[in-house]
Amino acid sequence: MKNHHLLDHYDYRAIGYDKRPLRDGHGAAVAGLYNAWIVLDNEAQLNSYTTEAVKEIILAFRQASCDREVVAVVFTAVGDKAFCTGGNTREYAEYYAGNPQEYKQYMRLFNDMVTAILLCDKPVINRVNGMRIAGGQEIGMACDYTLAADTARFGQAGPKHGSAPDGGSTDFLHLFVGINRAIESCTLCEHWSAHTAVEIGLINKIVPVLRKPDGRFIANPMVETNRHDEWGNPCFGRFKTGAAREQAKARMADCRTDLSLLDGEVDALAYRLSLTMPDCLTKTLESMRKKKLEHWQRNSETNRSWLALNMMTEARAGFRAFNEGSRDRREVDFHGLRRALAQAQPWDEALLARILPGT
């Protein structure tokens, strides 16, 4: 048989890549068939992707796409805190900030990563083991299915940290949740719980992952389960605050995180996908993905250029603020920035000193 892989052998260093057996409804391995697991591996930085990781993700999706034995691709990450929180802000702040020509090259890679997901010849399952924020939300939405821990959260970060969610969210999000919710998420950068995400159609399914010492799984107690508040507004899935939050934390105190139910749902979905004609499945996915691709291919190149130039102004400030600020303050002085710009203050070192945390 012809070899269609770009490389015969590659030792992944920034991410994980392995083939795991396809399992039937009883958990038994199906002979000769596998799922390809592409795993972000930067737990210390909430699985944010570096330039090296982006390059390897592109290669991994191409490798899985060409592998005749692979039924589905599972895109996930190590640990239980985050699937992905976007680009690596340390790398952004220390190398790309103020360096637009370099960031434009990086965005070429980022765009190719999203495109590699959208053009994969196999169905792509996003296994969300924690936060899916910013660029993590964008690469997650490029996938075909999303199964999530009920402790996960979803959202954007761009306008809070000096960017715009033009790596996919301004193209895809409204297709999932409608234009009104998409505008709220992209501009306000307020997170959705996993319960809200499944309720509004962003993701396919959530499962509990908090396990008591007696072996019982409990639903995430940090979110509201009432349907409406006293004014009639929907409150299902809102994060609890105040005394209710403290009570929820106490209920979680003796729990451990167990992702076995999530893995079981991933295996079950992959097996259901295996019970279809492979080419008909791929063609159906290609037809459905066109809705995403028509927006993505129209906008990604001009967005790339704008995002690069923005590294001289708001991104330069926002990423430095996140990287250099304290745990309690990682954002610029928004009102100070607006007052300075209203006075025609140029984007110089004096302006940065005026708005960065701790200055």
Protein backbone atom coordinates (compact mmCIF):
# COMPACT_ATOMS: atom_id res chain seq x y z
CA MET A 1 0.00 0.00 0.00
CA LYS A 2 1.11 3.56 -0.67
CA ASN A 3 2.30 5.62 2.30
CA HIS A 4 0.50 8.98 2.38
CA HIS A 5 1.96 10.27 5.64
CA LEU A 6 4.05 13.44 5.51
CA LEU A 7 6.67 11.78 7.74
CA ASP A 8 7.30 8.07 8.24
CA HIS A 9 8.30 8.53 11.85
CA TYR A 10 8.02 11.47 14.21
CA ASP A 11 8.72 11.69 17.93
CA TYR A 12 6.12 14.08 19.37
CA ARG A 13 7.55 16.26 22.13
CA ALA A 14 5.11 19.10 22.76
CA ILE A 15 1.92 16.99 22.59
CA GLY A 16 0.97 13.36 22.95
CA TYR A 17 -0.11 11.11 20.08
CA ASP A 18 -1.11 7.49 20.36
CA LYS A 19 -3.52 4.94 18.95
CA ARG A 20 -5.92 3.31 21.40
CA PRO A 21 -8.13 0.34 20.58
CA LEU A 22 -11.67 0.96 19.43
CA ARG A 23 -13.89 -0.62 22.12
CA ASP A 24 -17.32 -2.12 21.69
CA GLY A 25 -20.33 -1.72 23.97
CA HIS A 26 -18.86 -4.23 26.42
CA GLY A 27 -15.45 -2.58 26.58
CA ALA A 28 -13.72 -5.21 24.47
CA ALA A 29 -11.17 -4.11 21.88
CA VAL A 30 -12.30 -4.38 18.26
CA ALA A 31 -9.58 -6.15 16.29
CA GLY A 32 -7.58 -4.00 13.92
CA LEU A 33 -9.39 -0.70 14.60
CA TYR A 34 -8.25 2.24 16.71
CA ASN A 35 -8.92 5.80 17.77
CA ALA A 36 -6.13 8.35 17.47
CA TRP A 37 -5.68 10.41 20.65
CA ILE A 38 -4.12 13.83 20.20
CA VAL A 39 -3.31 15.15 23.66
CA LEU A 40 -2.22 18.64 24.68
CA ASP A 41 0.49 18.25 27.30
CA ASN A 42 1.20 21.51 29.09
CA GLU A 43 -0.69 21.05 32.34
CA ALA A 44 1.39 23.57 34.28
CA GLN A 45 0.14 26.32 31.93
CA LEU A 46 -3.42 24.99 31.64
CA ASN A 47 -2.62 23.19 28.39
CA SER A 48 -2.05 26.39 26.45
CA TYR A 49 -0.43 25.68 23.11
CA THR A 50 3.06 26.89 22.23
CA THR A 51 4.35 27.41 18.70
CA GLU A 52 5.91 23.93 18.80
CA ALA A 53 2.64 22.39 19.97
CA VAL A 54 0.71 24.04 17.14
CA LYS A 55 3.07 22.57 14.56
CA GLU A 56 2.73 19.11 16.08
CA ILE A 57 -1.07 19.33 16.25
CA ILE A 58 -1.13 20.03 12.50
CA LEU A 59 1.07 17.00 11.86
CA ALA A 60 -0.93 14.81 14.26
CA PHE A 61 -4.24 15.53 12.55
CA ARG A 62 -2.66 14.80 9.19
CA GLN A 63 -1.24 11.54 10.55
CA ALA A 64 -4.59 10.46 12.00
CA SER A 65 -6.40 11.48 8.83
CA CYS A 66 -4.19 9.22 6.69
CA ASP A 67 -4.19 6.22 9.04
CA ARG A 68 -6.42 3.52 7.54
CA GLU A 69 -6.90 1.82 10.93
CA VAL A 70 -8.21 4.93 12.69
CA VAL A 71 -11.98 5.29 13.16
CA ALA A 72 -12.09 8.60 15.05
CA VAL A 73 -9.79 11.25 16.46
CA VAL A 74 -10.04 12.21 20.14
CA PHE A 75 -8.66 15.70 20.78
CA THR A 76 -8.05 16.26 24.49
CA ALA A 77 -5.47 17.17 27.12
CA VAL A 78 -3.75 15.86 30.22
CA GLY A 79 -5.08 16.45 33.73
CA ASP A 80 -8.46 17.63 34.95
CA LYS A 81 -8.10 21.42 35.07
CA ALA A 82 -8.17 22.41 31.41
CA PHE A 83 -8.58 21.14 27.89
CA CYS A 84 -6.97 24.31 26.61
CA THR A 85 -6.86 27.98 27.57
CA GLY A 86 -5.60 29.18 24.20
CA GLY A 87 -2.20 30.41 23.11
CA ASN A 88 0.66 30.41 25.56
CA THR A 89 0.55 33.88 27.09
CA ARG A 90 4.14 33.72 28.31
CA GLU A 91 5.34 33.10 24.76
CA TYR A 92 2.99 35.82 23.50
CA ALA A 93 4.21 38.35 26.06
CA GLU A 94 7.91 37.57 25.92
CA TYR A 95 8.36 36.98 22.18
CA TYR A 96 5.42 38.00 20.01
CA ALA A 97 4.31 41.20 21.78
CA GLY A 98 5.60 44.15 19.74
CA ASN A 99 6.77 41.76 17.02
CA PRO A 100 3.96 41.69 14.44
CA GLN A 101 5.91 40.13 11.58
CA GLU A 102 6.71 37.13 13.81
CA TYR A 103 3.16 36.85 15.12
CA LYS A 104 1.86 36.83 11.55
CA GLN A 105 4.00 33.75 10.89
CA TYR A 106 2.66 32.19 14.08
CA MET A 107 -0.90 32.91 12.95
CA ARG A 108 -0.18 31.10 9.70
CA LEU A 109 0.47 28.03 11.84
CA PHE A 110 -2.60 28.66 13.99
CA ASN A 111 -4.83 28.97 10.93
CA ASP A 112 -3.37 25.77 9.53
CA MET A 113 -4.14 24.04 12.86
CA VAL A 114 -7.82 25.00 12.72
CA THR A 115 -7.99 24.03 9.06
CA ALA A 116 -6.35 20.67 9.79
CA ILE A 117 -9.16 19.89 12.25
CA LEU A 118 -11.88 21.01 9.84
CA LEU A 119 -10.41 18.97 6.97
CA CYS A 120 -9.62 15.81 8.90
CA ASP A 121 -10.84 12.70 7.07
CA LYS A 122 -11.98 11.16 10.37
CA PRO A 123 -14.66 12.37 12.80
CA VAL A 124 -13.13 14.48 15.56
CA ILE A 125 -14.32 14.22 19.17
CA ASN A 126 -13.33 16.97 21.58
CA ARG A 127 -12.94 15.36 25.03
CA VAL A 128 -13.15 18.37 27.36
CA ASN A 129 -11.53 17.56 30.68
CA GLY A 130 -11.61 21.10 32.12
CA MET A 131 -11.58 24.70 30.93
CA ARG A 132 -12.10 25.36 27.20
CA ILE A 133 -11.31 29.05 26.98
CA ALA A 134 -10.14 31.53 24.29
CA GLY A 135 -8.21 29.70 21.57
CA GLY A 136 -9.13 26.46 23.33
CA GLN A 137 -12.77 27.25 22.70
CA GLU A 138 -11.96 27.93 19.06
CA ILE A 139 -10.08 24.71 18.33
CA GLY A 140 -12.77 22.84 20.28
CA MET A 141 -15.54 24.27 18.11
CA ALA A 142 -13.64 23.18 15.01
CA CYS A 143 -14.21 19.58 16.16
CA ASP A 144 -17.33 17.62 15.19
CA TYR A 145 -18.49 16.52 18.65
CA THR A 146 -17.87 17.69 22.19
CA LEU A 147 -18.18 15.51 25.28
CA ALA A 148 -17.30 17.28 28.52
CA ALA A 149 -16.79 16.90 32.23
CA ASP A 150 -19.56 18.74 34.08
CA THR A 151 -16.86 20.74 35.85
CA ALA A 152 -15.68 22.25 32.54
CA ARG A 153 -16.27 25.86 31.60
CA PHE A 154 -16.39 27.54 28.22
CA GLY A 155 -15.75 31.04 26.94
CA GLN A 156 -13.58 33.71 25.41
CA ALA A 157 -10.87 36.03 26.71
CA GLY A 158 -9.82 38.22 23.75
CA PRO A 159 -11.21 41.72 24.51
CA LYS A 160 -10.20 41.34 28.18
CA HIS A 161 -6.58 40.58 27.28
CA GLY A 162 -5.91 42.61 24.16
CA SER A 163 -7.15 40.50 21.30
CA ALA A 164 -10.27 39.55 19.35
CA PRO A 165 -11.68 35.99 19.18
CA ASP A 166 -10.88 35.81 15.47
CA GLY A 167 -9.30 32.36 15.63
CA GLY A 168 -12.70 30.79 15.04
CA SER A 169 -15.21 32.08 17.57
CA THR A 170 -16.37 35.02 15.46
CA ASP A 171 -16.81 32.48 12.65
CA PHE A 172 -18.30 29.47 14.48
CA LEU A 173 -19.93 30.41 17.75
CA HIS A 174 -23.17 31.81 16.35
CA LEU A 175 -23.69 28.56 14.44
CA PHE A 176 -23.95 26.76 17.78
CA VAL A 177 -25.71 29.21 20.08
CA GLY A 178 -27.22 31.98 17.93
CA ILE A 179 -26.01 35.51 17.28
CA ASN A 180 -27.14 37.10 20.57
CA ARG A 181 -25.38 34.64 22.86
CA ALA A 182 -22.35 34.60 20.56
CA ILE A 183 -21.97 38.39 20.74
CA GLU A 184 -22.29 38.31 24.54
CA SER A 185 -19.64 35.61 24.88
CA CYS A 186 -17.18 37.14 22.42
CA THR A 187 -17.37 40.65 23.85
CA LEU A 188 -17.98 40.24 27.59
CA CYS A 189 -15.74 37.17 28.00
CA GLU A 190 -17.95 35.74 30.73
CA HIS A 191 -17.71 31.98 31.06
CA TRP A 192 -20.47 29.41 30.61
CA SER A 193 -20.70 26.36 32.82
CA ALA A 194 -20.79 22.93 31.19
CA HIS A 195 -24.48 22.76 32.13
CA THR A 196 -25.20 25.99 30.26
CA ALA A 197 -23.05 24.89 27.31
CA VAL A 198 -25.04 21.69 26.79
CA GLU A 199 -28.35 23.47 27.41
CA ILE A 200 -27.74 26.07 24.68
CA GLY A 201 -26.36 23.61 22.13
CA LEU A 202 -22.65 24.43 22.26
CA ILE A 203 -21.67 20.87 23.19
CA ASN A 204 -23.20 17.41 22.90
CA LYS A 205 -23.12 15.91 26.40
CA ILE A 206 -21.74 16.33 29.90
CA VAL A 207 -21.00 13.69 32.55
CA PRO A 208 -20.15 13.94 36.25
CA VAL A 209 -16.51 13.54 37.24
CA LEU A 210 -16.58 14.32 40.99
CA ARG A 211 -16.47 11.09 43.01
CA LYS A 212 -17.13 10.65 46.72
CA PRO A 213 -15.04 8.25 48.86
CA ASP A 214 -17.91 5.73 48.74
CA GLY A 215 -17.63 5.61 44.94
CA ARG A 216 -20.70 7.72 44.12
CA PHE A 217 -20.44 10.32 41.37
CA ILE A 218 -22.10 13.65 42.13
CA ALA A 219 -23.09 16.42 39.74
CA ASN A 220 -21.00 19.58 39.90
CA PRO A 221 -22.45 21.43 42.93
CA MET A 222 -20.95 24.78 41.84
CA VAL A 223 -23.76 25.49 39.35
CA GLU A 224 -27.41 26.37 39.80
CA THR A 225 -30.01 23.85 38.71
CA ASN A 226 -33.08 26.06 39.12
CA ARG A 227 -34.65 26.91 35.79
CA HIS A 228 -35.58 30.54 36.57
CA ASP A 229 -34.90 33.24 39.12
CA GLU A 230 -37.56 35.35 40.83
CA TRP A 231 -37.75 37.70 37.82
CA GLY A 232 -38.30 34.91 35.33
CA ASN A 233 -34.78 34.96 33.87
CA PRO A 234 -33.24 31.55 33.14
CA CYS A 235 -30.61 30.70 35.73
CA PHE A 236 -29.98 27.02 34.98
CA GLY A 237 -26.23 26.47 34.82
CA ARG A 238 -25.14 29.75 36.40
CA PHE A 239 -22.14 29.57 38.70
CA LYS A 240 -23.12 29.89 42.34
CA THR A 241 -21.95 32.86 44.38
CA GLY A 242 -21.77 33.86 48.02
CA ALA A 243 -22.96 31.41 50.69
CA ALA A 244 -24.22 28.94 48.07
CA ARG A 245 -20.76 28.78 46.55
CA GLU A 246 -19.16 28.12 49.95
CA GLN A 247 -21.66 25.33 50.62
CA ALA A 248 -20.85 23.80 47.25
CA LYS A 249 -17.13 23.91 47.97
CA ALA A 250 -17.73 22.12 51.27
CA ARG A 251 -19.68 19.42 49.44
CA MET A 252 -16.77 18.95 47.05
CA ALA A 253 -14.10 18.86 49.75
CA ASP A 254 -13.81 15.07 49.95
CA CYS A 255 -14.31 14.42 46.23
CA ARG A 256 -11.68 13.32 43.77
CA THR A 257 -11.82 13.79 40.01
CA ASP A 258 -12.48 10.60 38.08
CA LEU A 259 -12.74 10.91 34.28
CA SER A 260 -13.72 7.29 33.69
CA LEU A 261 -17.35 8.13 32.80
CA LEU A 262 -16.11 10.71 30.30
CA ASP A 263 -13.77 8.17 28.74
CA GLY A 264 -16.63 5.69 28.56
CA GLU A 265 -18.76 8.21 26.65
CA VAL A 266 -15.87 8.88 24.25
CA ASP A 267 -15.43 5.16 23.61
CA ALA A 268 -19.19 4.71 23.12
CA LEU A 269 -19.44 7.56 20.60
CA ALA A 270 -16.44 6.30 18.64
CA TYR A 271 -17.99 2.82 18.52
CA ARG A 272 -21.31 4.20 17.27
CA LEU A 273 -19.40 6.04 14.56
CA SER A 274 -17.68 2.79 13.57
CA LEU A 275 -21.10 1.28 12.77
CA THR A 276 -21.43 3.44 9.66
CA MET A 277 -20.05 3.32 6.12
CA PRO A 278 -16.70 5.12 6.39
CA ASP A 279 -16.84 7.11 3.16
CA CYS A 280 -20.49 8.07 3.66
CA LEU A 281 -19.64 9.22 7.18
CA THR A 282 -16.73 11.32 5.94
CA LYS A 283 -18.81 12.89 3.16
CA THR A 284 -21.58 13.76 5.61
CA LEU A 285 -19.09 15.42 7.93
CA GLU A 286 -17.56 17.32 5.01
CA SER A 287 -21.00 18.63 4.05
CA MET A 288 -21.79 19.69 7.62
CA ARG A 289 -18.38 21.32 8.09
CA LYS A 290 -19.00 23.59 5.09
CA LYS A 291 -21.05 25.87 7.35
CA LYS A 292 -17.95 26.49 9.45
CA LEU A 293 -15.55 26.55 6.53
CA GLU A 294 -17.47 29.15 4.54
CA HIS A 295 -16.93 31.64 7.38
CA TRP A 296 -13.43 30.45 8.27
CA GLN A 297 -12.01 30.54 4.76
CA ARG A 298 -13.54 33.93 4.06
CA ASN A 299 -12.10 35.60 7.15
CA SER A 300 -9.03 33.78 8.48
CA GLU A 301 -6.40 35.49 6.33
CA THR A 302 -7.52 39.07 6.94
CA ASN A 303 -7.99 38.25 10.61
CA ARG A 304 -4.43 36.94 10.68
CA SER A 305 -3.09 40.26 9.39
CA TRP A 306 -5.11 42.31 11.87
CA LEU A 307 -4.09 40.13 14.81
CA ALA A 308 -0.44 40.56 13.84
CA LEU A 309 -0.67 44.36 13.70
CA ASN A 310 -2.56 44.38 17.00
CA MET A 311 0.61 43.03 18.63
CA MET A 312 1.91 46.60 18.49
CA THR A 313 -0.94 48.03 20.57
CA GLU A 314 -3.62 46.35 22.70
CA ALA A 315 -2.25 42.81 22.47
CA ARG A 316 1.19 44.06 23.46
CA ALA A 317 -0.33 45.53 26.61
CA GLY A 318 -2.85 42.80 27.33
CA PHE A 319 -0.51 39.83 27.08
CA ARG A 320 2.15 41.56 29.12
CA ALA A 321 -0.42 42.38 31.78
CA PHE A 322 -1.51 38.75 31.99
CA ASN A 323 2.08 37.48 32.07
CA GLU A 324 3.52 40.05 34.46
CA GLY A 325 0.55 40.81 36.69
CA SER A 326 -0.23 39.26 40.04
CA ARG A 327 -2.68 36.41 40.48
CA ASP A 328 -5.37 38.92 41.49
CA ARG A 329 -4.70 41.43 38.71
CA ARG A 330 -3.81 40.30 35.23
CA GLU A 331 -5.61 42.94 33.21
CA VAL A 332 -4.69 46.46 32.16
CA ASP A 333 -6.27 49.52 33.73
CA PHE A 334 -9.18 49.65 31.26
CA HIS A 335 -10.47 53.05 32.32
CA GLY A 336 -6.97 54.51 32.41
CA LEU A 337 -6.42 53.22 28.87
CA ARG A 338 -9.67 54.73 27.63
CA ARG A 339 -8.86 58.09 29.23
CA ALA A 340 -5.37 58.09 27.71
CA LEU A 341 -6.67 57.28 24.23
CA ALA A 342 -9.31 59.98 24.59
CA GLN A 343 -6.41 62.40 25.09
CA ALA A 344 -4.68 61.07 21.92
CA GLN A 345 -1.92 59.38 23.94
CA PRO A 346 0.22 57.35 21.48
CA TRP A 347 0.98 53.67 22.06
CA ASP A 348 4.41 54.20 23.60
CA GLU A 349 6.27 53.06 26.68
CA ALA A 350 4.69 55.84 28.73
CA LEU A 351 1.22 54.52 27.95
CA LEU A 352 2.22 50.97 28.83
CA ALA A 353 3.70 52.13 32.12
CA ARG A 354 0.45 53.94 32.83
CA ILE A 355 -1.86 50.96 32.35
CA LEU A 356 0.08 47.77 33.17
CA PRO A 357 -0.55 46.11 36.56
CA GLY A 358 1.66 47.29 39.38
CA THR A 359 2.57 50.58 37.72
